[in-house]
Amino acid sequence: MGHSEMLLAVAGLPENDVEGLAQRLARGEWTTFAPEERIAFAAAHRLSRAPASFSADDRALLAATFGAERAADLVYHVAWCNYMTRFADAFQLPLERTNVFAELAERAAREVRHDR
């Protein structure tokens, strides 16, 4: 299972929606998403594909959209994911075949349902 798909599943997206959403995101089909999400996707794409082109205007747009702290979190998370991908690619580490967090996610979902 790819890391993006795993993160979507852990976030609570139904399993039958995970693959389709991951494919839409990968193809850059963002028009159905909220404007704020499209801004985040565009920043992540630029940081992943051409990090040196990420400009002061890009940073200002993120900060105006999400606030300085959330914008910094977004940039940090994108950078971390890119690091992990490059590390795994360099050592040809295989992706997990199953969602290693599925059991924990289900347990958390049961606890949330129980608390209501």
PDB file of N, CA and C in Angstrom:
ATOM      1  N   MET A   1       0.860  -1.176   0.000  1.00  0.00           N
ATOM      2  CA  MET A   1       0.000   0.000   0.000  1.00  0.00           C
ATOM      3  C   MET A   1       0.901   1.233   0.000  1.00  0.00           C
ATOM      4  N   GLY A   2       0.618   2.182  -0.862  1.00  0.00           N
ATOM      5  CA  GLY A   2       1.411   3.405  -0.920  1.00  0.00           C
ATOM      6  C   GLY A   2       1.218   4.252   0.316  1.00  0.00           C
ATOM      7  N   HIS A   3       2.200   5.075   0.610  1.00  0.00           N
ATOM      8  CA  HIS A   3       2.117   5.902   1.808  1.00  0.00           C
ATOM      9  C   HIS A   3       0.964   6.896   1.749  1.00  0.00           C
ATOM     10  N   SER A   4       0.718   7.473   0.591  1.00  0.00           N
ATOM     11  CA  SER A   4      -0.404   8.418   0.480  1.00  0.00           C
ATOM     12  C   SER A   4      -1.719   7.723   0.774  1.00  0.00           C
ATOM     13  N   GLU A   5      -1.882   6.558   0.199  1.00  0.00           N
ATOM     14  CA  GLU A   5      -3.108   5.810   0.438  1.00  0.00           C
ATOM     15  C   GLU A   5      -3.247   5.443   1.909  1.00  0.00           C
ATOM     16  N   MET A   6      -2.135   5.067   2.520  1.00  0.00           N
ATOM     17  CA  MET A   6      -2.167   4.700   3.929  1.00  0.00           C
ATOM     18  C   MET A   6      -2.573   5.901   4.790  1.00  0.00           C
ATOM     19  N   LEU A   7      -2.015   7.066   4.483  1.00  0.00           N
ATOM     20  CA  LEU A   7      -2.356   8.261   5.254  1.00  0.00           C
ATOM     21  C   LEU A   7      -3.831   8.624   5.083  1.00  0.00           C
ATOM     22  N   LEU A   8      -4.364   8.474   3.873  1.00  0.00           N
ATOM     23  CA  LEU A   8      -5.780   8.754   3.651  1.00  0.00           C
ATOM     24  C   LEU A   8      -6.647   7.787   4.448  1.00  0.00           C
ATOM     25  N   ALA A   9      -6.264   6.521   4.480  1.00  0.00           N
ATOM     26  CA  ALA A   9      -7.025   5.528   5.242  1.00  0.00           C
ATOM     27  C   ALA A   9      -6.961   5.823   6.733  1.00  0.00           C
ATOM     28  N   VAL A  10      -5.788   6.168   7.214  1.00  0.00           N
ATOM     29  CA  VAL A  10      -5.632   6.484   8.637  1.00  0.00           C
ATOM     30  C   VAL A  10      -6.442   7.722   9.006  1.00  0.00           C
ATOM     31  N   ALA A  11      -6.563   8.656   8.053  1.00  0.00           N
ATOM     32  CA  ALA A  11      -7.348   9.866   8.303  1.00  0.00           C
ATOM     33  C   ALA A  11      -8.846   9.590   8.339  1.00  0.00           C
ATOM     34  N   GLY A  12      -9.234   8.351   7.979  1.00  0.00           N
ATOM     35  CA  GLY A  12     -10.630   7.975   8.101  1.00  0.00           C
ATOM     36  C   GLY A  12     -11.393   7.879   6.799  1.00  0.00           C
ATOM     37  N   LEU A  13     -10.714   8.043   5.661  1.00  0.00           N
ATOM     38  CA  LEU A  13     -11.395   7.918   4.381  1.00  0.00           C
ATOM     39  C   LEU A  13     -11.770   6.454   4.161  1.00  0.00           C
ATOM     40  N   PRO A  14     -13.003   6.195   3.741  1.00  0.00           N
ATOM     41  CA  PRO A  14     -13.401   4.800   3.478  1.00  0.00           C
ATOM     42  C   PRO A  14     -12.467   4.154   2.461  1.00  0.00           C
ATOM     43  N   GLU A  15     -12.168   2.895   2.679  1.00  0.00           N
ATOM     44  CA  GLU A  15     -11.186   2.183   1.863  1.00  0.00           C
ATOM     45  C   GLU A  15     -11.511   2.228   0.367  1.00  0.00           C
ATOM     46  N   ASN A  16     -12.799   2.152   0.022  1.00  0.00           N
ATOM     47  CA  ASN A  16     -13.149   2.152  -1.397  1.00  0.00           C
ATOM     48  C   ASN A  16     -12.967   3.528  -2.049  1.00  0.00           C
ATOM     49  N   ASP A  17     -12.771   4.595  -1.268  1.00  0.00           N
ATOM     50  CA  ASP A  17     -12.531   5.935  -1.809  1.00  0.00           C
ATOM     51  C   ASP A  17     -11.048   6.284  -1.890  1.00  0.00           C
ATOM     52  N   VAL A  18     -10.210   5.547  -1.182  1.00  0.00           N
ATOM     53  CA  VAL A  18      -8.798   5.889  -1.059  1.00  0.00           C
ATOM     54  C   VAL A  18      -8.089   5.886  -2.414  1.00  0.00           C
ATOM     55  N   GLU A  19      -8.219   4.815  -3.169  1.00  0.00           N
ATOM     56  CA  GLU A  19      -7.463   4.709  -4.420  1.00  0.00           C
ATOM     57  C   GLU A  19      -7.849   5.797  -5.410  1.00  0.00           C
ATOM     58  N   GLY A  20      -9.141   6.039  -5.559  1.00  0.00           N
ATOM     59  CA  GLY A  20      -9.591   7.068  -6.498  1.00  0.00           C
ATOM     60  C   GLY A  20      -9.095   8.448  -6.129  1.00  0.00           C
ATOM     61  N   LEU A  21      -9.152   8.781  -4.847  1.00  0.00           N
ATOM     62  CA  LEU A  21      -8.682  10.088  -4.404  1.00  0.00           C
ATOM     63  C   LEU A  21      -7.176  10.221  -4.606  1.00  0.00           C
ATOM     64  N   ALA A  22      -6.440   9.191  -4.265  1.00  0.00           N
ATOM     65  CA  ALA A  22      -4.984   9.232  -4.442  1.00  0.00           C
ATOM     66  C   ALA A  22      -4.622   9.441  -5.910  1.00  0.00           C
ATOM     67  N   GLN A  23      -5.349   8.788  -6.795  1.00  0.00           N
ATOM     68  CA  GLN A  23      -5.082   8.948  -8.230  1.00  0.00           C
ATOM     69  C   GLN A  23      -5.414  10.355  -8.703  1.00  0.00           C
ATOM     70  N   ARG A  24      -6.540  10.914  -8.246  1.00  0.00           N
ATOM     71  CA  ARG A  24      -6.900  12.292  -8.623  1.00  0.00           C
ATOM     72  C   ARG A  24      -5.856  13.273  -8.143  1.00  0.00           C
ATOM     73  N   LEU A  25      -5.391  13.101  -6.922  1.00  0.00           N
ATOM     74  CA  LEU A  25      -4.369  13.998  -6.387  1.00  0.00           C
ATOM     75  C   LEU A  25      -3.081  13.895  -7.195  1.00  0.00           C
ATOM     76  N   ALA A  26      -2.676  12.676  -7.516  1.00  0.00           N
ATOM     77  CA  ALA A  26      -1.438  12.464  -8.261  1.00  0.00           C
ATOM     78  C   ALA A  26      -1.510  13.062  -9.665  1.00  0.00           C
ATOM     79  N   ARG A  27      -2.694  13.035 -10.272  1.00  0.00           N
ATOM     80  CA  ARG A  27      -2.856  13.592 -11.625  1.00  0.00           C
ATOM     81  C   ARG A  27      -3.036  15.107 -11.606  1.00  0.00           C
ATOM     82  N   GLY A  28      -3.143  15.692 -10.423  1.00  0.00           N
ATOM     83  CA  GLY A  28      -3.348  17.135 -10.341  1.00  0.00           C
ATOM     84  C   GLY A  28      -4.772  17.553 -10.620  1.00  0.00           C
ATOM     85  N   GLU A  29      -5.704  16.653 -10.446  1.00  0.00           N
ATOM     86  CA  GLU A  29      -7.125  16.958 -10.639  1.00  0.00           C
ATOM     87  C   GLU A  29      -7.686  17.517  -9.339  1.00  0.00           C
ATOM     88  N   TRP A  30      -7.464  18.801  -9.145  1.00  0.00           N
ATOM     89  CA  TRP A  30      -7.785  19.432  -7.863  1.00  0.00           C
ATOM     90  C   TRP A  30      -9.010  20.331  -7.918  1.00  0.00           C
ATOM     91  N   THR A  31      -9.664  20.437  -9.060  1.00  0.00           N
ATOM     92  CA  THR A  31     -10.739  21.420  -9.216  1.00  0.00           C
ATOM     93  C   THR A  31     -11.918  21.191  -8.283  1.00  0.00           C
ATOM     94  N   THR A  32     -12.137  19.982  -7.836  1.00  0.00           N
ATOM     95  CA  THR A  32     -13.287  19.714  -6.962  1.00  0.00           C
ATOM     96  C   THR A  32     -12.982  19.990  -5.494  1.00  0.00           C
ATOM     97  N   PHE A  33     -11.756  20.344  -5.196  1.00  0.00           N
ATOM     98  CA  PHE A  33     -11.362  20.616  -3.818  1.00  0.00           C
ATOM     99  C   PHE A  33     -11.578  22.090  -3.471  1.00  0.00           C
ATOM    100  N   ALA A  34     -11.665  22.365  -2.199  1.00  0.00           N
ATOM    101  CA  ALA A  34     -11.821  23.742  -1.717  1.00  0.00           C
ATOM    102  C   ALA A  34     -10.605  24.580  -2.130  1.00  0.00           C
ATOM    103  N   PRO A  35     -10.793  25.892  -2.297  1.00  0.00           N
ATOM    104  CA  PRO A  35      -9.673  26.754  -2.696  1.00  0.00           C
ATOM    105  C   PRO A  35      -8.448  26.620  -1.783  1.00  0.00           C
ATOM    106  N   GLU A  36      -8.669  26.511  -0.482  1.00  0.00           N
ATOM    107  CA  GLU A  36      -7.542  26.379   0.447  1.00  0.00           C
ATOM    108  C   GLU A  36      -6.772  25.083   0.195  1.00  0.00           C
ATOM    109  N   GLU A  37      -7.500  24.017  -0.085  1.00  0.00           N
ATOM    110  CA  GLU A  37      -6.840  22.742  -0.373  1.00  0.00           C
ATOM    111  C   GLU A  37      -6.018  22.836  -1.656  1.00  0.00           C
ATOM    112  N   ARG A  38      -6.572  23.512  -2.664  1.00  0.00           N
ATOM    113  CA  ARG A  38      -5.826  23.670  -3.920  1.00  0.00           C
ATOM    114  C   ARG A  38      -4.546  24.467  -3.713  1.00  0.00           C
ATOM    115  N   ILE A  39      -4.587  25.455  -2.841  1.00  0.00           N
ATOM    116  CA  ILE A  39      -3.384  26.232  -2.525  1.00  0.00           C
ATOM    117  C   ILE A  39      -2.344  25.327  -1.863  1.00  0.00           C
ATOM    118  N   ALA A  40      -2.786  24.490  -0.932  1.00  0.00           N
ATOM    119  CA  ALA A  40      -1.866  23.565  -0.267  1.00  0.00           C
ATOM    120  C   ALA A  40      -1.290  22.564  -1.251  1.00  0.00           C
ATOM    121  N   PHE A  41      -2.125  22.014  -2.136  1.00  0.00           N
ATOM    122  CA  PHE A  41      -1.642  21.052  -3.130  1.00  0.00           C
ATOM    123  C   PHE A  41      -0.618  21.690  -4.058  1.00  0.00           C
ATOM    124  N   ALA A  42      -0.902  22.915  -4.507  1.00  0.00           N
ATOM    125  CA  ALA A  42       0.025  23.597  -5.415  1.00  0.00           C
ATOM    126  C   ALA A  42       1.366  23.863  -4.725  1.00  0.00           C
ATOM    127  N   ALA A  43       1.314  24.242  -3.463  1.00  0.00           N
ATOM    128  CA  ALA A  43       2.565  24.472  -2.716  1.00  0.00           C
ATOM    129  C   ALA A  43       3.329  23.164  -2.560  1.00  0.00           C
ATOM    130  N   ALA A  44       2.633  22.101  -2.205  1.00  0.00           N
ATOM    131  CA  ALA A  44       3.291  20.798  -2.045  1.00  0.00           C
ATOM    132  C   ALA A  44       3.902  20.342  -3.362  1.00  0.00           C
ATOM    133  N   HIS A  45       3.182  20.545  -4.443  1.00  0.00           N
ATOM    134  CA  HIS A  45       3.693  20.151  -5.758  1.00  0.00           C
ATOM    135  C   HIS A  45       4.952  20.930  -6.099  1.00  0.00           C
ATOM    136  N   ARG A  46       4.918  22.231  -5.901  1.00  0.00           N
ATOM    137  CA  ARG A  46       6.094  23.055  -6.209  1.00  0.00           C
ATOM    138  C   ARG A  46       7.272  22.670  -5.310  1.00  0.00           C
ATOM    139  N   LEU A  47       7.016  22.496  -4.018  1.00  0.00           N
ATOM    140  CA  LEU A  47       8.097  22.117  -3.097  1.00  0.00           C
ATOM    141  C   LEU A  47       8.680  20.754  -3.442  1.00  0.00           C
ATOM    142  N   SER A  48       7.868  19.881  -4.006  1.00  0.00           N
ATOM    143  CA  SER A  48       8.326  18.541  -4.358  1.00  0.00           C
ATOM    144  C   SER A  48       9.064  18.508  -5.687  1.00  0.00           C
ATOM    145  N   ARG A  49       8.580  19.271  -6.653  1.00  0.00           N
ATOM    146  CA  ARG A  49       9.135  19.208  -8.005  1.00  0.00           C
ATOM    147  C   ARG A  49      10.229  20.227  -8.273  1.00  0.00           C
ATOM    148  N   ALA A  50      10.096  21.413  -7.689  1.00  0.00           N
ATOM    149  CA  ALA A  50      11.071  22.487  -7.956  1.00  0.00           C
ATOM    150  C   ALA A  50      11.216  23.357  -6.716  1.00  0.00           C
ATOM    151  N   PRO A  51      11.792  22.809  -5.651  1.00  0.00           N
ATOM    152  CA  PRO A  51      11.824  23.542  -4.376  1.00  0.00           C
ATOM    153  C   PRO A  51      12.516  24.905  -4.458  1.00  0.00           C
ATOM    154  N   ALA A  52      13.503  25.048  -5.319  1.00  0.00           N
ATOM    155  CA  ALA A  52      14.197  26.335  -5.430  1.00  0.00           C
ATOM    156  C   ALA A  52      13.290  27.416  -6.013  1.00  0.00           C
ATOM    157  N   SER A  53      12.205  27.016  -6.679  1.00  0.00           N
ATOM    158  CA  SER A  53      11.295  28.000  -7.258  1.00  0.00           C
ATOM    159  C   SER A  53      10.236  28.478  -6.262  1.00  0.00           C
ATOM    160  N   PHE A  54      10.217  27.901  -5.076  1.00  0.00           N
ATOM    161  CA  PHE A  54       9.248  28.310  -4.056  1.00  0.00           C
ATOM    162  C   PHE A  54       9.629  29.713  -3.583  1.00  0.00           C
ATOM    163  N   SER A  55       8.762  30.671  -3.825  1.00  0.00           N
ATOM    164  CA  SER A  55       9.111  32.089  -3.673  1.00  0.00           C
ATOM    165  C   SER A  55       8.523  32.713  -2.410  1.00  0.00           C
ATOM    166  N   ALA A  56       8.918  33.943  -2.177  1.00  0.00           N
ATOM    167  CA  ALA A  56       8.350  34.719  -1.074  1.00  0.00           C
ATOM    168  C   ALA A  56       6.849  34.883  -1.265  1.00  0.00           C
ATOM    169  N   ASP A  57       6.404  35.021  -2.510  1.00  0.00           N
ATOM    170  CA  ASP A  57       4.959  35.113  -2.782  1.00  0.00           C
ATOM    171  C   ASP A  57       4.247  33.820  -2.408  1.00  0.00           C
ATOM    172  N   ASP A  58       4.891  32.674  -2.693  1.00  0.00           N
ATOM    173  CA  ASP A  58       4.309  31.388  -2.310  1.00  0.00           C
ATOM    174  C   ASP A  58       4.172  31.292  -0.795  1.00  0.00           C
ATOM    175  N   ARG A  59       5.211  31.685  -0.086  1.00  0.00           N
ATOM    176  CA  ARG A  59       5.163  31.653   1.383  1.00  0.00           C
ATOM    177  C   ARG A  59       4.093  32.599   1.917  1.00  0.00           C
ATOM    178  N   ALA A  60       3.992  33.778   1.327  1.00  0.00           N
ATOM    179  CA  ALA A  60       2.999  34.755   1.775  1.00  0.00           C
ATOM    180  C   ALA A  60       1.579  34.229   1.546  1.00  0.00           C
ATOM    181  N   LEU A  61       1.359  33.566   0.410  1.00  0.00           N
ATOM    182  CA  LEU A  61       0.036  33.003   0.134  1.00  0.00           C
ATOM    183  C   LEU A  61      -0.320  31.919   1.147  1.00  0.00           C
ATOM    184  N   LEU A  62       0.638  31.060   1.457  1.00  0.00           N
ATOM    185  CA  LEU A  62       0.379  30.031   2.471  1.00  0.00           C
ATOM    186  C   LEU A  62       0.053  30.659   3.815  1.00  0.00           C
ATOM    187  N   ALA A  63       0.844  31.643   4.221  1.00  0.00           N
ATOM    188  CA  ALA A  63       0.622  32.293   5.518  1.00  0.00           C
ATOM    189  C   ALA A  63      -0.716  33.020   5.548  1.00  0.00           C
ATOM    190  N   ALA A  64      -1.079  33.672   4.452  1.00  0.00           N
ATOM    191  CA  ALA A  64      -2.365  34.373   4.395  1.00  0.00           C
ATOM    192  C   ALA A  64      -3.534  33.397   4.425  1.00  0.00           C
ATOM    193  N   THR A  65      -3.344  32.244   3.843  1.00  0.00           N
ATOM    194  CA  THR A  65      -4.413  31.243   3.764  1.00  0.00           C
ATOM    195  C   THR A  65      -4.559  30.447   5.051  1.00  0.00           C
ATOM    196  N   PHE A  66      -3.434  30.039   5.635  1.00  0.00           N
ATOM    197  CA  PHE A  66      -3.464  29.101   6.763  1.00  0.00           C
ATOM    198  C   PHE A  66      -2.954  29.677   8.076  1.00  0.00           C
ATOM    199  N   GLY A  67      -2.370  30.853   8.046  1.00  0.00           N
ATOM    200  CA  GLY A  67      -1.695  31.380   9.217  1.00  0.00           C
ATOM    201  C   GLY A  67      -0.247  30.910   9.198  1.00  0.00           C
ATOM    202  N   ALA A  68       0.612  31.642   9.858  1.00  0.00           N
ATOM    203  CA  ALA A  68       2.052  31.357   9.808  1.00  0.00           C
ATOM    204  C   ALA A  68       2.398  29.971  10.341  1.00  0.00           C
ATOM    205  N   GLU A  69       1.801  29.573  11.455  1.00  0.00           N
ATOM    206  CA  GLU A  69       2.150  28.278  12.056  1.00  0.00           C
ATOM    207  C   GLU A  69       1.698  27.109  11.187  1.00  0.00           C
ATOM    208  N   ARG A  70       0.469  27.155  10.704  1.00  0.00           N
ATOM    209  CA  ARG A  70      -0.020  26.055   9.854  1.00  0.00           C
ATOM    210  C   ARG A  70       0.728  26.020   8.526  1.00  0.00           C
ATOM    211  N   ALA A  71       1.104  27.195   8.004  1.00  0.00           N
ATOM    212  CA  ALA A  71       1.891  27.238   6.767  1.00  0.00           C
ATOM    213  C   ALA A  71       3.252  26.579   6.993  1.00  0.00           C
ATOM    214  N   ALA A  72       3.867  26.875   8.131  1.00  0.00           N
ATOM    215  CA  ALA A  72       5.155  26.242   8.448  1.00  0.00           C
ATOM    216  C   ALA A  72       4.988  24.740   8.619  1.00  0.00           C
ATOM    217  N   ASP A  73       3.903  24.312   9.247  1.00  0.00           N
ATOM    218  CA  ASP A  73       3.625  22.877   9.387  1.00  0.00           C
ATOM    219  C   ASP A  73       3.493  22.208   8.025  1.00  0.00           C
ATOM    220  N   LEU A  74       2.800  22.871   7.110  1.00  0.00           N
ATOM    221  CA  LEU A  74       2.609  22.313   5.780  1.00  0.00           C
ATOM    222  C   LEU A  74       3.956  22.141   5.077  1.00  0.00           C
ATOM    223  N   VAL A  75       4.779  23.185   5.105  1.00  0.00           N
ATOM    224  CA  VAL A  75       6.090  23.109   4.454  1.00  0.00           C
ATOM    225  C   VAL A  75       6.943  22.023   5.112  1.00  0.00           C
ATOM    226  N   TYR A  76       6.916  21.952   6.429  1.00  0.00           N
ATOM    227  CA  TYR A  76       7.685  20.922   7.135  1.00  0.00           C
ATOM    228  C   TYR A  76       7.223  19.519   6.728  1.00  0.00           C
ATOM    229  N   HIS A  77       5.909  19.312   6.695  1.00  0.00           N
ATOM    230  CA  HIS A  77       5.386  17.981   6.373  1.00  0.00           C
ATOM    231  C   HIS A  77       5.748  17.591   4.942  1.00  0.00           C
ATOM    232  N   VAL A  78       5.621  18.522   4.008  1.00  0.00           N
ATOM    233  CA  VAL A  78       5.992  18.235   2.621  1.00  0.00           C
ATOM    234  C   VAL A  78       7.476  17.895   2.541  1.00  0.00           C
ATOM    235  N   ALA A  79       8.300  18.666   3.227  1.00  0.00           N
ATOM    236  CA  ALA A  79       9.745  18.402   3.211  1.00  0.00           C
ATOM    237  C   ALA A  79      10.060  17.037   3.817  1.00  0.00           C
ATOM    238  N   TRP A  80       9.399  16.705   4.916  1.00  0.00           N
ATOM    239  CA  TRP A  80       9.624  15.411   5.566  1.00  0.00           C
ATOM    240  C   TRP A  80       9.213  14.262   4.640  1.00  0.00           C
ATOM    241  N   CYS A  81       8.056  14.396   4.011  1.00  0.00           N
ATOM    242  CA  CYS A  81       7.592  13.340   3.102  1.00  0.00           C
ATOM    243  C   CYS A  81       8.543  13.190   1.915  1.00  0.00           C
ATOM    244  N   ASN A  82       9.046  14.295   1.395  1.00  0.00           N
ATOM    245  CA  ASN A  82      10.007  14.216   0.299  1.00  0.00           C
ATOM    246  C   ASN A  82      11.306  13.551   0.751  1.00  0.00           C
ATOM    247  N   TYR A  83      11.756  13.881   1.942  1.00  0.00           N
ATOM    248  CA  TYR A  83      12.953  13.232   2.487  1.00  0.00           C
ATOM    249  C   TYR A  83      12.745  11.720   2.584  1.00  0.00           C
ATOM    250  N   MET A  84      11.618  11.318   3.159  1.00  0.00           N
ATOM    251  CA  MET A  84      11.356   9.898   3.342  1.00  0.00           C
ATOM    252  C   MET A  84      11.252   9.175   1.998  1.00  0.00           C
ATOM    253  N   THR A  85      10.621   9.806   1.031  1.00  0.00           N
ATOM    254  CA  THR A  85      10.506   9.198  -0.299  1.00  0.00           C
ATOM    255  C   THR A  85      11.875   9.033  -0.933  1.00  0.00           C
ATOM    256  N   ARG A  86      12.706  10.053  -0.852  1.00  0.00           N
ATOM    257  CA  ARG A  86      14.033   9.972  -1.454  1.00  0.00           C
ATOM    258  C   ARG A  86      14.915   8.943  -0.737  1.00  0.00           C
ATOM    259  N   PHE A  87      14.788   8.865   0.559  1.00  0.00           N
ATOM    260  CA  PHE A  87      15.537   7.880   1.337  1.00  0.00           C
ATOM    261  C   PHE A  87      15.112   6.465   0.934  1.00  0.00           C
ATOM    262  N   ALA A  88      13.798   6.248   0.899  1.00  0.00           N
ATOM    263  CA  ALA A  88      13.285   4.920   0.544  1.00  0.00           C
ATOM    264  C   ALA A  88      13.665   4.565  -0.892  1.00  0.00           C
ATOM    265  N   ASP A  89      13.579   5.546  -1.796  1.00  0.00           N
ATOM    266  CA  ASP A  89      13.953   5.282  -3.186  1.00  0.00           C
ATOM    267  C   ASP A  89      15.443   4.956  -3.313  1.00  0.00           C
ATOM    268  N   ALA A  90      16.279   5.685  -2.581  1.00  0.00           N
ATOM    269  CA  ALA A  90      17.722   5.464  -2.670  1.00  0.00           C
ATOM    270  C   ALA A  90      18.104   4.051  -2.230  1.00  0.00           C
ATOM    271  N   PHE A  91      17.412   3.540  -1.232  1.00  0.00           N
ATOM    272  CA  PHE A  91      17.702   2.199  -0.723  1.00  0.00           C
ATOM    273  C   PHE A  91      16.742   1.151  -1.280  1.00  0.00           C
ATOM    274  N   GLN A  92      15.893   1.574  -2.207  1.00  0.00           N
ATOM    275  CA  GLN A  92      14.909   0.688  -2.841  1.00  0.00           C
ATOM    276  C   GLN A  92      14.093  -0.083  -1.810  1.00  0.00           C
ATOM    277  N   LEU A  93      13.641   0.634  -0.805  1.00  0.00           N
ATOM    278  CA  LEU A  93      12.813   0.025   0.232  1.00  0.00           C
ATOM    279  C   LEU A  93      11.406  -0.200  -0.317  1.00  0.00           C
ATOM    280  N   PRO A  94      10.853  -1.374  -0.117  1.00  0.00           N
ATOM    281  CA  PRO A  94       9.510  -1.629  -0.644  1.00  0.00           C
ATOM    282  C   PRO A  94       8.447  -0.940   0.208  1.00  0.00           C
ATOM    283  N   LEU A  95       7.345  -0.588  -0.443  1.00  0.00           N
ATOM    284  CA  LEU A  95       6.206  -0.061   0.295  1.00  0.00           C
ATOM    285  C   LEU A  95       5.533  -1.201   1.039  1.00  0.00           C
ATOM    286  N   GLU A  96       4.827  -0.859   2.093  1.00  0.00           N
ATOM    287  CA  GLU A  96       4.066  -1.861   2.821  1.00  0.00           C
ATOM    288  C   GLU A  96       2.969  -2.401   1.914  1.00  0.00           C
ATOM    289  N   ARG A  97       2.646  -3.655   2.057  1.00  0.00           N
ATOM    290  CA  ARG A  97       1.577  -4.237   1.244  1.00  0.00           C
ATOM    291  C   ARG A  97       0.206  -4.014   1.875  1.00  0.00           C
ATOM    292  N   THR A  98       0.192  -3.767   3.158  1.00  0.00           N
ATOM    293  CA  THR A  98      -1.062  -3.519   3.860  1.00  0.00           C
ATOM    294  C   THR A  98      -0.905  -2.260   4.691  1.00  0.00           C
ATOM    295  N   ASN A  99      -2.011  -1.739   5.130  1.00  0.00           N
ATOM    296  CA  ASN A  99      -1.999  -0.556   5.983  1.00  0.00           C
ATOM    297  C   ASN A  99      -1.598  -0.983   7.393  1.00  0.00           C
ATOM    298  N   VAL A 100      -0.382  -0.689   7.750  1.00  0.00           N
ATOM    299  CA  VAL A 100       0.128  -1.122   9.047  1.00  0.00           C
ATOM    300  C   VAL A 100      -0.558  -0.394  10.200  1.00  0.00           C
ATOM    301  N   PHE A 101      -1.282   0.680   9.898  1.00  0.00           N
ATOM    302  CA  PHE A 101      -1.974   1.434  10.938  1.00  0.00           C
ATOM    303  C   PHE A 101      -3.471   1.127  10.997  1.00  0.00           C
ATOM    304  N   ALA A 102      -3.942   0.210  10.167  1.00  0.00           N
ATOM    305  CA  ALA A 102      -5.385  -0.061  10.074  1.00  0.00           C
ATOM    306  C   ALA A 102      -5.979  -0.449  11.421  1.00  0.00           C
ATOM    307  N   GLU A 103      -5.312  -1.319  12.134  1.00  0.00           N
ATOM    308  CA  GLU A 103      -5.849  -1.759  13.428  1.00  0.00           C
ATOM    309  C   GLU A 103      -5.933  -0.594  14.410  1.00  0.00           C
ATOM    310  N   LEU A 104      -4.903   0.238  14.447  1.00  0.00           N
ATOM    311  CA  LEU A 104      -4.925   1.395  15.340  1.00  0.00           C
ATOM    312  C   LEU A 104      -6.012   2.385  14.942  1.00  0.00           C
ATOM    313  N   ALA A 105      -6.189   2.600  13.650  1.00  0.00           N
ATOM    314  CA  ALA A 105      -7.216   3.520  13.169  1.00  0.00           C
ATOM    315  C   ALA A 105      -8.600   3.008  13.531  1.00  0.00           C
ATOM    316  N   GLU A 106      -8.826   1.722  13.374  1.00  0.00           N
ATOM    317  CA  GLU A 106     -10.126   1.137  13.722  1.00  0.00           C
ATOM    318  C   GLU A 106     -10.381   1.245  15.224  1.00  0.00           C
ATOM    319  N   ARG A 107      -9.356   0.994  16.022  1.00  0.00           N
ATOM    320  CA  ARG A 107      -9.500   1.110  17.474  1.00  0.00           C
ATOM    321  C   ARG A 107      -9.854   2.542  17.865  1.00  0.00           C
ATOM    322  N   ALA A 108      -9.186   3.515  17.253  1.00  0.00           N
ATOM    323  CA  ALA A 108      -9.475   4.928  17.539  1.00  0.00           C
ATOM    324  C   ALA A 108     -10.887   5.282  17.118  1.00  0.00           C
ATOM    325  N   ALA A 109     -11.332   4.769  15.966  1.00  0.00           N
ATOM    326  CA  ALA A 109     -12.696   5.038  15.503  1.00  0.00           C
ATOM    327  C   ALA A 109     -13.729   4.453  16.470  1.00  0.00           C
ATOM    328  N   ARG A 110     -13.458   3.247  16.986  1.00  0.00           N
ATOM    329  CA  ARG A 110     -14.373   2.645  17.957  1.00  0.00           C
ATOM    330  C   ARG A 110     -14.435   3.485  19.223  1.00  0.00           C
ATOM    331  N   GLU A 111     -13.309   4.000  19.664  1.00  0.00           N
ATOM    332  CA  GLU A 111     -13.283   4.825  20.880  1.00  0.00           C
ATOM    333  C   GLU A 111     -14.076   6.109  20.688  1.00  0.00           C
ATOM    334  N   VAL A 112     -13.949   6.714  19.503  1.00  0.00           N
ATOM    335  CA  VAL A 112     -14.708   7.933  19.210  1.00  0.00           C
ATOM    336  C   VAL A 112     -16.196   7.639  19.218  1.00  0.00           C
ATOM    337  N   ARG A 113     -16.597   6.530  18.592  1.00  0.00           N
ATOM    338  CA  ARG A 113     -18.018   6.155  18.563  1.00  0.00           C
ATOM    339  C   ARG A 113     -18.521   5.863  19.980  1.00  0.00           C
ATOM    340  N   HIS A 114     -17.683   5.263  20.793  1.00  0.00           N
ATOM    341  CA  HIS A 114     -18.065   4.912  22.158  1.00  0.00           C
ATOM    342  C   HIS A 114     -18.246   6.159  23.013  1.00  0.00           C
ATOM    343  N   ASP A 115     -17.421   7.189  22.771  1.00  0.00           N
ATOM    344  CA  ASP A 115     -17.477   8.416  23.564  1.00  0.00           C
ATOM    345  C   ASP A 115     -18.718   9.260  23.258  1.00  0.00           C
ATOM    346  N   ARG A 116     -19.360   9.020  22.155  1.00  0.00           N
ATOM    347  CA  ARG A 116     -20.533   9.841  21.776  1.00  0.00           C
ATOM    348  C   ARG A 116     -21.745   9.419  22.481  1.00  0.00           C
TER     349      ARG A 116
END
